[in-house]
Amino acid sequence: LDARFQHAIDRAAMVAGLDDTDSYVAQWRRESAELAGDLAAAVATEITRINAAYNRDRLERLVRSGGVEEAI
């Protein structure tokens, strides 16, 4: 993903008070999905989807809410 995502994640963590590694990493989440066919194409499609779904305004709202989407 674009570097803008990492920057937003770091800023949101500071807003949320997650300033130590353990509390920061504890908030990470993963989702698994089965993929059929070309893995590289599936990854490219997902990156395109995420980039489109999280424009600058949405990321800024997430930062201000400490990374909690339900709060925005």
N, C-alpha and C. Protein backbone atom coordinates (compact mmCIF):
# COMPACT_ATOMS: atom_id res chain seq x y z
N LEU A 1 0.83 -1.19 0.00
CA LEU A 1 0.00 0.00 0.00
C LEU A 1 0.87 1.25 0.00
N ASP A 2 0.25 2.35 -0.34
CA ASP A 2 0.94 3.63 -0.35
C ASP A 2 1.43 3.99 1.06
N ALA A 3 2.50 4.75 1.12
CA ALA A 3 3.06 5.19 2.40
C ALA A 3 2.06 6.01 3.21
N ARG A 4 1.08 6.62 2.54
CA ARG A 4 0.09 7.43 3.26
C ARG A 4 -0.66 6.60 4.30
N PHE A 5 -0.81 5.32 4.05
CA PHE A 5 -1.49 4.46 5.02
C PHE A 5 -0.66 4.29 6.29
N GLN A 6 0.62 4.04 6.16
CA GLN A 6 1.47 3.89 7.34
C GLN A 6 1.53 5.18 8.13
N HIS A 7 1.61 6.31 7.43
CA HIS A 7 1.63 7.60 8.13
C HIS A 7 0.33 7.81 8.90
N ALA A 8 -0.79 7.49 8.27
CA ALA A 8 -2.10 7.65 8.94
C ALA A 8 -2.21 6.71 10.14
N ILE A 9 -1.74 5.49 9.99
CA ILE A 9 -1.78 4.52 11.09
C ILE A 9 -0.96 5.02 12.28
N ASP A 10 0.24 5.51 12.00
CA ASP A 10 1.09 6.02 13.08
C ASP A 10 0.46 7.22 13.77
N ARG A 11 -0.10 8.13 13.00
CA ARG A 11 -0.74 9.32 13.58
C ARG A 11 -1.97 8.94 14.41
N ALA A 12 -2.78 8.00 13.89
CA ALA A 12 -3.97 7.56 14.63
C ALA A 12 -3.57 6.88 15.93
N ALA A 13 -2.49 6.13 15.92
CA ALA A 13 -2.02 5.46 17.14
C ALA A 13 -1.65 6.49 18.20
N MET A 14 -1.03 7.57 17.80
CA MET A 14 -0.67 8.62 18.76
C MET A 14 -1.92 9.28 19.33
N VAL A 15 -2.92 9.53 18.48
CA VAL A 15 -4.18 10.12 18.94
C VAL A 15 -4.84 9.19 19.96
N ALA A 16 -4.76 7.88 19.70
CA ALA A 16 -5.38 6.89 20.58
C ALA A 16 -4.55 6.61 21.83
N GLY A 17 -3.38 7.21 21.92
CA GLY A 17 -2.53 6.99 23.09
C GLY A 17 -1.76 5.68 23.04
N LEU A 18 -1.64 5.11 21.86
CA LEU A 18 -0.90 3.85 21.71
C LEU A 18 0.55 4.17 21.38
N ASP A 19 1.28 4.61 22.39
CA ASP A 19 2.63 5.09 22.15
C ASP A 19 3.72 4.07 22.50
N ASP A 20 3.33 2.87 22.90
CA ASP A 20 4.34 1.83 23.11
C ASP A 20 4.05 0.68 22.14
N THR A 21 5.09 -0.05 21.83
CA THR A 21 4.99 -1.09 20.80
C THR A 21 3.92 -2.12 21.10
N ASP A 22 3.84 -2.60 22.33
CA ASP A 22 2.88 -3.65 22.66
C ASP A 22 1.44 -3.20 22.43
N SER A 23 1.09 -2.02 22.89
CA SER A 23 -0.29 -1.56 22.70
C SER A 23 -0.57 -1.25 21.24
N TYR A 24 0.43 -0.77 20.53
CA TYR A 24 0.31 -0.46 19.11
C TYR A 24 0.04 -1.74 18.31
N VAL A 25 0.89 -2.73 18.52
CA VAL A 25 0.78 -3.99 17.77
C VAL A 25 -0.48 -4.76 18.17
N ALA A 26 -0.93 -4.64 19.40
CA ALA A 26 -2.13 -5.35 19.85
C ALA A 26 -3.37 -4.92 19.07
N GLN A 27 -3.32 -3.75 18.46
CA GLN A 27 -4.47 -3.24 17.71
C GLN A 27 -4.50 -3.72 16.26
N TRP A 28 -3.44 -4.33 15.80
CA TRP A 28 -3.39 -4.80 14.42
C TRP A 28 -4.42 -5.89 14.23
N ARG A 29 -4.95 -5.96 13.04
CA ARG A 29 -5.86 -7.07 12.73
C ARG A 29 -5.53 -7.59 11.34
N ARG A 30 -5.86 -8.84 11.16
CA ARG A 30 -5.62 -9.51 9.88
C ARG A 30 -6.92 -10.14 9.44
N GLU A 31 -7.08 -10.21 8.16
CA GLU A 31 -8.21 -10.92 7.59
C GLU A 31 -7.68 -11.86 6.53
N SER A 32 -8.16 -13.07 6.54
CA SER A 32 -7.76 -14.06 5.55
C SER A 32 -8.86 -14.23 4.52
N ALA A 33 -8.44 -14.55 3.32
CA ALA A 33 -9.41 -14.80 2.26
C ALA A 33 -8.81 -15.84 1.31
N GLU A 34 -9.67 -16.70 0.83
CA GLU A 34 -9.21 -17.67 -0.17
C GLU A 34 -9.14 -16.98 -1.52
N LEU A 35 -8.09 -17.28 -2.24
CA LEU A 35 -7.91 -16.71 -3.57
C LEU A 35 -7.78 -17.82 -4.59
N ALA A 36 -8.45 -17.64 -5.68
CA ALA A 36 -8.33 -18.59 -6.78
C ALA A 36 -7.67 -17.85 -7.94
N GLY A 37 -6.79 -18.53 -8.62
CA GLY A 37 -6.17 -17.90 -9.78
C GLY A 37 -4.87 -17.20 -9.45
N ASP A 38 -4.61 -16.13 -10.18
CA ASP A 38 -3.35 -15.41 -10.11
C ASP A 38 -3.25 -14.55 -8.85
N LEU A 39 -2.33 -14.89 -7.97
CA LEU A 39 -2.17 -14.18 -6.70
C LEU A 39 -1.79 -12.72 -6.94
N ALA A 40 -0.87 -12.46 -7.84
CA ALA A 40 -0.43 -11.08 -8.10
C ALA A 40 -1.59 -10.22 -8.58
N ALA A 41 -2.44 -10.77 -9.42
CA ALA A 41 -3.60 -10.02 -9.91
C ALA A 41 -4.59 -9.76 -8.79
N ALA A 42 -4.79 -10.73 -7.91
CA ALA A 42 -5.70 -10.56 -6.78
C ALA A 42 -5.18 -9.48 -5.83
N VAL A 43 -3.88 -9.47 -5.59
CA VAL A 43 -3.28 -8.46 -4.72
C VAL A 43 -3.43 -7.08 -5.35
N ALA A 44 -3.16 -6.96 -6.63
CA ALA A 44 -3.29 -5.68 -7.32
C ALA A 44 -4.72 -5.17 -7.26
N THR A 45 -5.68 -6.06 -7.42
CA THR A 45 -7.10 -5.68 -7.33
C THR A 45 -7.44 -5.18 -5.94
N GLU A 46 -6.95 -5.85 -4.92
CA GLU A 46 -7.23 -5.45 -3.54
C GLU A 46 -6.57 -4.11 -3.21
N ILE A 47 -5.36 -3.90 -3.68
CA ILE A 47 -4.69 -2.62 -3.46
C ILE A 47 -5.48 -1.50 -4.11
N THR A 48 -5.95 -1.71 -5.32
CA THR A 48 -6.76 -0.71 -6.01
C THR A 48 -8.03 -0.42 -5.23
N ARG A 49 -8.67 -1.46 -4.71
CA ARG A 49 -9.91 -1.29 -3.95
C ARG A 49 -9.66 -0.48 -2.68
N ILE A 50 -8.61 -0.82 -1.96
CA ILE A 50 -8.30 -0.12 -0.71
C ILE A 50 -7.94 1.34 -0.98
N ASN A 51 -7.11 1.59 -1.99
CA ASN A 51 -6.75 2.96 -2.33
C ASN A 51 -7.98 3.79 -2.68
N ALA A 52 -8.93 3.20 -3.39
CA ALA A 52 -10.15 3.93 -3.76
C ALA A 52 -11.05 4.14 -2.55
N ALA A 53 -11.11 3.18 -1.66
CA ALA A 53 -12.02 3.25 -0.51
C ALA A 53 -11.53 4.22 0.57
N TYR A 54 -10.22 4.42 0.66
CA TYR A 54 -9.65 5.26 1.71
C TYR A 54 -8.97 6.48 1.10
N ASN A 55 -9.81 7.45 0.71
CA ASN A 55 -9.25 8.69 0.17
C ASN A 55 -8.66 9.52 1.31
N ARG A 56 -8.10 10.65 0.97
CA ARG A 56 -7.42 11.50 1.95
C ARG A 56 -8.36 11.91 3.09
N ASP A 57 -9.59 12.30 2.76
CA ASP A 57 -10.54 12.74 3.79
C ASP A 57 -10.88 11.61 4.76
N ARG A 58 -11.10 10.41 4.23
CA ARG A 58 -11.44 9.28 5.10
C ARG A 58 -10.28 8.94 6.03
N LEU A 59 -9.07 8.96 5.49
CA LEU A 59 -7.91 8.67 6.33
C LEU A 59 -7.75 9.73 7.42
N GLU A 60 -7.98 10.99 7.09
CA GLU A 60 -7.87 12.06 8.09
C GLU A 60 -8.92 11.89 9.19
N ARG A 61 -10.12 11.49 8.82
CA ARG A 61 -11.16 11.24 9.83
C ARG A 61 -10.74 10.08 10.74
N LEU A 62 -10.16 9.06 10.15
CA LEU A 62 -9.67 7.93 10.95
C LEU A 62 -8.56 8.36 11.90
N VAL A 63 -7.67 9.20 11.43
CA VAL A 63 -6.60 9.71 12.30
C VAL A 63 -7.21 10.45 13.47
N ARG A 64 -8.13 11.37 13.20
CA ARG A 64 -8.74 12.17 14.27
C ARG A 64 -9.50 11.32 15.28
N SER A 65 -10.04 10.18 14.82
CA SER A 65 -10.81 9.31 15.73
C SER A 65 -9.93 8.26 16.40
N GLY A 66 -8.63 8.35 16.22
CA GLY A 66 -7.73 7.38 16.82
C GLY A 66 -7.78 6.03 16.14
N GLY A 67 -8.23 6.02 14.88
CA GLY A 67 -8.26 4.78 14.10
C GLY A 67 -9.52 3.97 14.24
N VAL A 68 -10.52 4.52 14.92
CA VAL A 68 -11.78 3.80 15.13
C VAL A 68 -12.78 4.28 14.10
N GLU A 69 -13.07 3.43 13.13
CA GLU A 69 -13.95 3.83 12.04
C GLU A 69 -15.38 4.11 12.50
N GLU A 70 -15.87 3.37 13.48
CA GLU A 70 -17.24 3.58 13.95
C GLU A 70 -17.42 4.97 14.53
N ALA A 71 -16.32 5.60 14.94
CA ALA A 71 -16.39 6.92 15.57
C ALA A 71 -16.49 8.05 14.54
N ILE A 72 -16.28 7.74 13.26
CA ILE A 72 -16.30 8.81 12.26
C ILE A 72 -17.61 8.91 11.54
